[in-house]
Amino acid sequence: MICCVSVRSSPLSWKANLAAWRAWMSWKFSVHSSTAGSTSSGPGSPDRTQEPSSVSTERPPHTPVMLKEVLHYLDIHPGQMVLDMTFGGGGHTKAILNTVPDVTVLAMDRDPIAFALAQELAMEHCGQVQPLLSRFSELETLLSHMTIKPGSVDAVLLDAGCSSMQMDQPERGFSLSKDGPLDMRMDGHRYPDMPCAADVVSTLDQQALASILTAYGEERHARKIASTIVEARRLKPITRTQQLASVVAGSFPAAAIHSRKDRLQRPAHVATKTFQALRIFVNDELNELYAGLRAAQTILKPGGRLCVLTFHSLEDRLVKRFLQGGDMSYLQQCHFSQSKRRTGKEKVEEEKGGRVGVHWFPLRRKVIKPQKEDVEENPRGRSAKLRAALKL
């Protein structure tokens, strides 16, 4: 059963950045106005004719991030029900099926291609895998139409962010190292009216673009990059991934293009944070993550376990505060910012670390990071952080 609800959830994170929020509202108005009486889908329309079904679901073997740690903290037993909220390439789900007998896995993803892979796995494991096509914000509505009641799931895994499968498909537009249409929509073509990344860079004004890059990419040179994008699009629409990467690189001296380093001290492209910011904005990822955490809290039974994998600081700060029982309305003002000045009381609470709200008990006090050998084997998981908690 597939449940489709509204494309956008309540703008918790965007309200935290007023300029980005205003930009989104003005953009929606301009998009509706420009498409009235026309069948065009906007700046990204030439690349939208490709349907997800035309993309092969045959992919290289998927390497799940921090697999040993995830299996350890989920502590799944035979006969239990597990919800994998981000099926992706299916690495975690396959490991669960192979290590725990008679387990039932709800294999969920918002990506139609991942959903197709889950359907294939369901055929291999008859009666053990139930594929679900859904966003985090749609999950509770979806389950309400099924026989799965609140408080009936034993374990939940949430792997936030973009999957390796999505990054490896140039036609999806997530990777700056592979040329493809500037799309970045995790839902694929499920919502034809949902704007893509090309719409963002081609439509929003300079201030709005800078606000998005600052809020969702924590990009220090946001204004410079936004100015360059606006100048470049006057000459030619920006519709390709490597085209945008080149435009962003043009904001910097040649020597600075690869001056940034990743956690392995390897050169990182200067457009990396720009691509992250656009992806988060297009897919409403922070609102969706918050919705997913609330859904997990509802469907888990007392004593059920939650494991959350995050890959950048915005996600991790949100998850940390949620599990600690913090007031999430606080995020509307600070926007998960590390630079926000905290009060003395907030500093004391953060230093205590183990202090949590009434809903969760931490299975480990500190965040769990991948081991050195895991990073060497799977470099894409180098920035992963795992938080595990028990529902009280």
Protein backbone atom coordinates (compact mmCIF):
# COMPACT_ATOMS: atom_id res chain seq x y z
CA MET A 1 0.00 0.00 0.00
CA ILE A 2 1.37 3.42 -0.96
CA CYS A 3 0.17 6.54 0.77
CA CYS A 4 0.80 9.94 -0.77
CA VAL A 5 0.11 13.06 1.25
CA SER A 6 1.18 16.68 0.93
CA VAL A 7 4.50 17.36 -0.74
CA ARG A 8 5.73 19.73 1.98
CA SER A 9 5.59 19.37 5.73
CA SER A 10 5.47 22.26 8.20
CA PRO A 11 8.53 24.46 7.61
CA LEU A 12 10.21 23.99 10.99
CA SER A 13 13.74 24.35 9.68
CA TRP A 14 13.05 27.00 7.06
CA LYS A 15 11.43 29.33 9.57
CA ALA A 16 14.75 29.18 11.36
CA ASN A 17 16.21 31.03 8.39
CA LEU A 18 13.75 33.77 7.48
CA ALA A 19 15.31 34.66 4.15
CA ALA A 20 15.18 31.08 2.91
CA TRP A 21 11.57 30.75 4.07
CA ARG A 22 10.51 33.95 2.31
CA ALA A 23 12.40 32.82 -0.78
CA TRP A 24 10.50 29.55 -0.85
CA MET A 25 7.13 31.28 -0.59
CA SER A 26 7.96 33.81 -3.32
CA TRP A 27 9.38 31.01 -5.46
CA LYS A 28 6.22 28.92 -5.19
CA PHE A 29 4.23 31.94 -6.37
CA SER A 30 6.57 32.58 -9.31
CA VAL A 31 6.60 28.92 -10.34
CA HIS A 32 2.80 28.71 -10.33
CA SER A 33 2.58 31.98 -12.25
CA SER A 34 5.13 30.98 -14.88
CA THR A 35 3.56 27.56 -15.45
CA ALA A 36 -0.03 28.76 -15.74
CA GLY A 37 -1.41 27.61 -19.06
CA SER A 38 1.82 25.81 -19.91
CA THR A 39 2.88 22.20 -19.76
CA SER A 40 6.52 23.07 -19.08
CA SER A 41 7.94 21.94 -15.75
CA GLY A 42 10.35 24.87 -15.40
CA PRO A 43 14.13 25.20 -15.75
CA GLY A 44 14.70 21.51 -15.13
CA SER A 45 12.00 20.31 -17.51
CA PRO A 46 14.22 19.00 -20.35
CA ASP A 47 15.66 16.40 -18.00
CA ARG A 48 12.36 15.29 -16.44
CA THR A 49 11.26 13.15 -19.35
CA GLN A 50 13.30 10.26 -17.99
CA GLU A 51 11.12 8.08 -15.85
CA PRO A 52 12.65 6.28 -12.85
CA SER A 53 11.54 2.97 -14.32
CA SER A 54 14.04 3.48 -17.13
CA VAL A 55 16.90 3.35 -14.66
CA SER A 56 18.28 -0.11 -14.03
CA THR A 57 17.97 -1.38 -10.49
CA GLU A 58 21.05 -3.57 -10.96
CA ARG A 59 23.77 -1.96 -8.86
CA PRO A 60 27.20 -2.90 -7.50
CA PRO A 61 27.20 -4.61 -4.08
CA HIS A 62 26.06 -2.14 -1.43
CA THR A 63 28.31 -1.56 1.58
CA PRO A 64 26.14 -0.67 4.59
CA VAL A 65 27.59 1.88 6.98
CA MET A 66 28.63 0.73 10.49
CA LEU A 67 26.88 -2.60 10.02
CA LYS A 68 28.36 -4.34 13.07
CA GLU A 69 27.45 -1.47 15.36
CA VAL A 70 23.92 -1.19 13.98
CA LEU A 71 23.23 -4.91 14.45
CA HIS A 72 24.71 -4.80 17.95
CA TYR A 73 22.59 -1.90 19.20
CA LEU A 74 19.37 -3.00 17.48
CA ASP A 75 19.79 -6.39 19.21
CA ILE A 76 17.10 -8.05 17.07
CA HIS A 77 15.69 -11.41 18.17
CA PRO A 78 13.87 -14.14 16.18
CA GLY A 79 10.23 -13.38 15.48
CA GLN A 80 10.55 -9.61 15.94
CA MET A 81 9.39 -6.85 13.61
CA VAL A 82 11.93 -4.31 12.37
CA LEU A 83 11.40 -1.09 10.43
CA ASP A 84 14.19 -0.02 8.09
CA MET A 85 13.11 3.53 7.35
CA THR A 86 15.75 4.05 4.66
CA PHE A 87 16.09 0.82 2.69
CA GLY A 88 18.36 2.29 0.01
CA GLY A 89 20.46 -0.50 -1.48
CA GLY A 90 19.21 -2.91 1.17
CA GLY A 91 22.52 -3.61 2.87
CA HIS A 92 21.28 -3.34 6.45
CA THR A 93 18.03 -5.21 5.75
CA LYS A 94 19.84 -8.08 4.03
CA ALA A 95 22.22 -8.41 6.99
CA ILE A 96 19.28 -8.53 9.40
CA LEU A 97 17.56 -11.24 7.34
CA ASN A 98 20.76 -13.27 7.12
CA THR A 99 21.59 -13.12 10.83
CA VAL A 100 18.19 -13.32 12.55
CA PRO A 101 15.71 -16.12 11.73
CA ASP A 102 11.97 -15.52 11.35
CA VAL A 103 12.34 -11.75 11.48
CA THR A 104 9.92 -9.44 9.65
CA VAL A 105 11.33 -6.30 8.04
CA LEU A 106 9.29 -3.32 6.90
CA ALA A 107 11.55 -2.06 4.09
CA MET A 108 10.70 1.59 3.55
CA ASP A 109 12.11 4.28 1.27
CA ARG A 110 10.90 7.43 -0.47
CA ASP A 111 12.91 6.56 -3.58
CA PRO A 112 10.94 4.53 -6.17
CA ILE A 113 14.13 2.75 -7.30
CA ALA A 114 14.93 1.66 -3.74
CA PHE A 115 11.30 0.54 -3.42
CA ALA A 116 11.74 -1.63 -6.53
CA LEU A 117 14.81 -3.22 -4.96
CA ALA A 118 12.83 -3.89 -1.80
CA GLN A 119 10.16 -5.60 -3.89
CA GLU A 120 12.82 -7.86 -5.43
CA LEU A 121 14.12 -8.75 -1.97
CA ALA A 122 10.58 -9.48 -0.80
CA MET A 123 10.30 -12.09 -3.55
CA GLU A 124 13.51 -13.74 -2.31
CA HIS A 125 12.33 -13.77 1.32
CA CYS A 126 8.67 -14.67 1.06
CA GLY A 127 6.63 -13.27 3.93
CA GLN A 128 9.59 -11.63 5.68
CA VAL A 129 9.92 -8.34 3.78
CA GLN A 130 7.15 -5.81 3.29
CA PRO A 131 8.18 -2.97 0.93
CA LEU A 132 6.85 0.51 1.70
CA LEU A 133 7.09 3.56 -0.57
CA SER A 134 6.85 6.52 1.76
CA ARG A 135 8.47 9.62 3.15
CA PHE A 136 9.06 9.86 6.89
CA SER A 137 6.27 12.42 7.13
CA GLU A 138 3.84 10.00 5.43
CA LEU A 139 4.65 6.97 7.56
CA GLU A 140 2.06 7.29 10.32
CA THR A 141 -0.71 7.85 7.77
CA LEU A 142 0.50 4.86 5.78
CA LEU A 143 0.62 2.53 8.78
CA SER A 144 -2.82 3.65 9.91
CA HIS A 145 -4.19 2.01 6.74
CA MET A 146 -2.37 -1.21 7.55
CA THR A 147 -2.61 -3.72 10.38
CA ILE A 148 0.49 -2.28 12.08
CA LYS A 149 -0.55 -0.39 15.19
CA PRO A 150 1.40 2.19 17.20
CA GLY A 151 3.73 0.58 19.72
CA SER A 152 4.03 -2.70 17.81
CA VAL A 153 7.52 -2.50 16.23
CA ASP A 154 10.56 -3.90 18.05
CA ALA A 155 13.38 -1.98 16.36
CA VAL A 156 13.81 0.95 13.98
CA LEU A 157 16.77 1.93 11.82
CA LEU A 158 16.94 5.39 10.26
CA ASP A 159 19.84 6.09 7.90
CA ALA A 160 19.58 9.78 7.04
CA GLY A 161 20.82 11.63 4.00
CA CYS A 162 21.62 10.54 0.46
CA SER A 163 22.30 6.88 -0.33
CA SER A 164 25.32 5.58 -2.25
CA MET A 165 22.91 4.23 -4.84
CA GLN A 166 21.58 7.73 -5.50
CA MET A 167 25.08 9.20 -5.64
CA ASP A 168 26.20 6.57 -8.15
CA GLN A 169 23.41 7.36 -10.62
CA PRO A 170 24.40 10.43 -12.70
CA GLU A 171 20.85 10.77 -13.98
CA ARG A 172 19.65 11.51 -10.43
CA GLY A 173 21.80 14.64 -10.20
CA PHE A 174 23.24 14.17 -6.70
CA SER A 175 26.93 13.83 -7.55
CA LEU A 176 29.14 16.72 -8.62
CA SER A 177 31.78 14.31 -9.96
CA LYS A 178 29.43 12.77 -12.54
CA ASP A 179 27.61 14.86 -15.09
CA GLY A 180 23.85 14.60 -15.15
CA PRO A 181 20.67 16.66 -14.93
CA LEU A 182 20.60 18.94 -11.89
CA ASP A 183 17.70 17.13 -10.24
CA MET A 184 18.44 15.86 -6.67
CA ARG A 185 14.85 14.80 -5.94
CA MET A 186 14.90 11.70 -3.76
CA ASP A 187 11.28 11.00 -4.68
CA GLY A 188 12.17 10.74 -8.35
CA HIS A 189 9.08 11.54 -10.39
CA ARG A 190 6.49 10.67 -7.74
CA TYR A 191 5.58 14.36 -7.45
CA PRO A 192 5.81 15.96 -10.95
CA ASP A 193 5.23 19.46 -9.54
CA MET A 194 8.02 19.16 -6.97
CA PRO A 195 10.83 21.59 -7.95
CA CYS A 196 14.29 20.19 -8.62
CA ALA A 197 17.72 21.68 -7.90
CA ALA A 198 17.83 23.30 -11.35
CA ASP A 199 14.69 25.24 -10.41
CA VAL A 200 16.37 26.50 -7.24
CA VAL A 201 19.52 27.83 -8.89
CA SER A 202 17.57 29.24 -11.84
CA THR A 203 14.75 30.95 -9.96
CA LEU A 204 15.69 32.16 -6.48
CA ASP A 205 17.35 35.54 -6.01
CA GLN A 206 20.89 36.02 -4.74
CA GLN A 207 19.93 36.63 -1.11
CA ALA A 208 17.75 33.52 -1.00
CA LEU A 209 20.46 31.34 -2.55
CA ALA A 210 23.01 32.64 -0.06
CA SER A 211 20.63 31.93 2.80
CA ILE A 212 20.15 28.34 1.64
CA LEU A 213 23.89 27.74 1.27
CA THR A 214 24.50 29.17 4.73
CA ALA A 215 21.65 27.38 6.48
CA TYR A 216 21.95 23.94 4.89
CA GLY A 217 25.56 23.80 3.72
CA GLU A 218 27.16 25.88 6.48
CA GLU A 219 29.07 27.47 3.60
CA ARG A 220 31.28 30.39 4.68
CA HIS A 221 31.45 31.79 1.14
CA ALA A 222 27.72 31.62 0.50
CA ARG A 223 27.32 35.20 -0.70
CA LYS A 224 30.21 34.92 -3.15
CA ILE A 225 28.90 31.63 -4.56
CA ALA A 226 25.32 32.93 -4.82
CA SER A 227 26.53 36.01 -6.69
CA THR A 228 28.46 33.86 -9.16
CA ILE A 229 25.43 31.62 -9.75
CA VAL A 230 23.19 34.59 -10.49
CA GLU A 231 25.73 36.05 -12.94
CA ALA A 232 26.24 32.70 -14.68
CA ARG A 233 22.54 31.94 -15.15
CA ARG A 234 22.07 35.26 -16.97
CA LEU A 235 24.25 33.88 -19.73
CA LYS A 236 22.93 30.31 -19.76
CA PRO A 237 20.48 28.28 -17.64
CA ILE A 238 22.23 26.02 -15.12
CA THR A 239 20.73 22.55 -15.67
CA ARG A 240 23.66 20.10 -15.27
CA THR A 241 25.59 18.96 -12.20
CA GLN A 242 29.09 19.58 -13.52
CA GLN A 243 27.95 22.86 -14.97
CA LEU A 244 26.98 24.00 -11.48
CA ALA A 245 30.21 22.60 -10.02
CA SER A 246 32.19 24.65 -12.56
CA VAL A 247 30.18 27.77 -11.77
CA VAL A 248 30.83 27.39 -8.05
CA ALA A 249 34.51 26.72 -8.70
CA GLY A 250 34.59 30.00 -10.64
CA SER A 251 33.94 31.80 -7.37
CA PHE A 252 37.39 30.82 -6.12
CA PRO A 253 41.00 31.19 -7.30
CA ALA A 254 42.30 28.14 -9.17
CA ALA A 255 44.57 27.16 -6.26
CA ALA A 256 41.60 27.08 -3.86
CA ILE A 257 39.37 24.72 -5.87
CA HIS A 258 40.71 21.63 -4.12
CA SER A 259 42.14 23.33 -1.05
CA ARG A 260 39.43 21.89 1.20
CA LYS A 261 40.04 18.52 2.83
CA ASP A 262 37.67 15.77 3.93
CA ARG A 263 38.04 13.71 7.10
CA LEU A 264 40.64 11.52 5.37
CA GLN A 265 42.58 14.65 4.41
CA ARG A 266 41.75 14.09 0.76
CA PRO A 267 41.00 17.05 -1.54
CA ALA A 268 37.32 18.03 -1.47
CA HIS A 269 35.70 20.08 -4.21
CA VAL A 270 34.64 23.60 -3.24
CA ALA A 271 31.11 22.86 -4.52
CA THR A 272 30.54 19.99 -2.07
CA LYS A 273 28.72 22.12 0.52
CA THR A 274 26.68 23.83 -2.20
CA PHE A 275 25.43 20.47 -3.46
CA GLN A 276 24.63 19.41 0.13
CA ALA A 277 22.64 22.59 0.77
CA LEU A 278 20.60 22.29 -2.44
CA ARG A 279 19.85 18.62 -1.79
CA ILE A 280 18.65 19.30 1.76
CA PHE A 281 16.50 22.22 0.58
CA VAL A 282 14.94 20.39 -2.38
CA ASN A 283 14.05 17.30 -0.32
CA ASP A 284 13.09 19.15 2.89
CA GLU A 285 15.44 16.74 4.66
CA LEU A 286 15.56 18.30 8.12
CA ASN A 287 11.78 18.49 8.43
CA GLU A 288 11.58 14.92 7.15
CA LEU A 289 14.19 13.72 9.64
CA TYR A 290 12.29 15.29 12.52
CA ALA A 291 9.06 13.70 11.24
CA GLY A 292 10.84 10.34 11.03
CA LEU A 293 12.05 10.55 14.62
CA ARG A 294 8.56 11.36 15.85
CA ALA A 295 7.12 8.48 13.82
CA ALA A 296 9.71 6.09 15.26
CA GLN A 297 8.76 7.19 18.76
CA THR A 298 5.11 6.41 18.01
CA ILE A 299 5.49 3.00 16.39
CA LEU A 300 8.16 1.54 18.67
CA LYS A 301 6.97 -0.54 21.60
CA PRO A 302 8.32 0.18 25.10
CA GLY A 303 11.78 -1.34 25.24
CA GLY A 304 12.12 -1.04 21.47
CA ARG A 305 15.40 0.18 20.06
CA LEU A 306 16.19 3.04 17.70
CA CYS A 307 19.41 3.47 15.72
CA VAL A 308 19.95 6.68 13.72
CA LEU A 309 22.82 7.20 11.28
CA THR A 310 23.62 10.78 10.30
CA PHE A 311 26.26 12.19 7.98
CA HIS A 312 26.56 15.89 8.76
CA SER A 313 26.30 18.16 11.78
CA LEU A 314 22.82 19.53 11.01
CA GLU A 315 21.32 16.05 11.16
CA ASP A 316 23.30 14.94 14.20
CA ARG A 317 22.42 18.00 16.27
CA LEU A 318 18.73 17.49 15.52
CA VAL A 319 18.85 13.79 16.48
CA LYS A 320 20.86 14.48 19.63
CA ARG A 321 18.44 17.08 20.92
CA PHE A 322 15.41 14.94 20.07
CA LEU A 323 16.73 11.93 21.98
CA GLN A 324 17.62 14.13 24.92
CA GLY A 325 14.04 15.30 25.10
CA GLY A 326 14.92 18.88 24.26
CA ASP A 327 12.38 21.50 23.25
CA MET A 328 12.39 21.24 19.46
CA SER A 329 10.81 24.69 19.06
CA TYR A 330 14.21 25.95 20.19
CA LEU A 331 15.49 24.83 16.78
CA GLN A 332 13.27 27.38 15.07
CA GLN A 333 15.48 30.10 16.48
CA CYS A 334 18.94 28.56 16.54
CA HIS A 335 18.63 26.41 13.40
CA PHE A 336 20.91 23.78 14.86
CA SER A 337 23.74 26.31 14.71
CA GLN A 338 26.97 25.54 16.54
CA SER A 339 27.77 29.22 16.66
CA LYS A 340 24.66 30.19 18.65
CA ARG A 341 25.49 31.44 22.11
CA ARG A 342 24.08 29.08 24.68
CA THR A 343 22.82 30.02 28.11
CA GLY A 344 24.54 28.69 31.21
CA LYS A 345 21.73 26.22 31.80
CA GLU A 346 22.01 24.86 28.25
CA LYS A 347 25.77 24.41 28.63
CA VAL A 348 25.31 22.47 31.86
CA GLU A 349 22.70 20.19 30.26
CA GLU A 350 24.97 19.51 27.28
CA GLU A 351 27.98 18.79 29.49
CA LYS A 352 25.96 16.25 31.50
CA GLY A 353 25.44 14.30 28.26
CA GLY A 354 23.45 11.46 29.79
CA ARG A 355 20.47 13.59 30.70
CA VAL A 356 17.58 12.60 28.42
CA GLY A 357 13.87 13.19 28.12
CA VAL A 358 11.12 10.92 29.33
CA HIS A 359 10.90 8.95 26.06
CA TRP A 360 14.44 7.67 25.50
CA PHE A 361 17.36 6.09 27.31
CA PRO A 362 20.75 6.24 25.54
CA LEU A 363 22.35 2.87 24.83
CA ARG A 364 25.66 4.68 24.71
CA ARG A 365 26.43 8.06 26.23
CA LYS A 366 28.57 9.39 23.39
CA VAL A 367 28.00 9.34 19.66
CA ILE A 368 29.41 6.26 17.89
CA LYS A 369 31.79 6.79 14.97
CA PRO A 370 33.10 4.31 12.39
CA GLN A 371 36.34 2.52 13.14
CA LYS A 372 39.45 3.23 11.10
CA GLU A 373 39.29 -0.05 9.19
CA ASP A 374 35.63 0.58 8.33
CA VAL A 375 36.49 3.98 6.87
CA GLU A 376 39.29 2.48 4.80
CA GLU A 377 36.91 -0.15 3.45
CA ASN A 378 34.04 2.28 2.88
CA PRO A 379 35.34 5.89 2.62
CA ARG A 380 31.83 7.25 2.03
CA GLY A 381 30.97 6.37 5.60
CA ARG A 382 33.79 8.42 7.06
CA SER A 383 31.48 11.16 8.37
CA ALA A 384 28.83 8.80 9.76
CA LYS A 385 27.62 9.14 13.32
CA LEU A 386 25.42 6.60 15.06
CA ARG A 387 23.13 7.33 18.00
CA ALA A 388 21.24 4.48 19.65
CA ALA A 389 18.49 4.69 22.25
CA LEU A 390 15.91 2.57 24.03
CA LYS A 391 12.29 3.72 24.13
CA LEU A 392 11.04 3.97 27.69
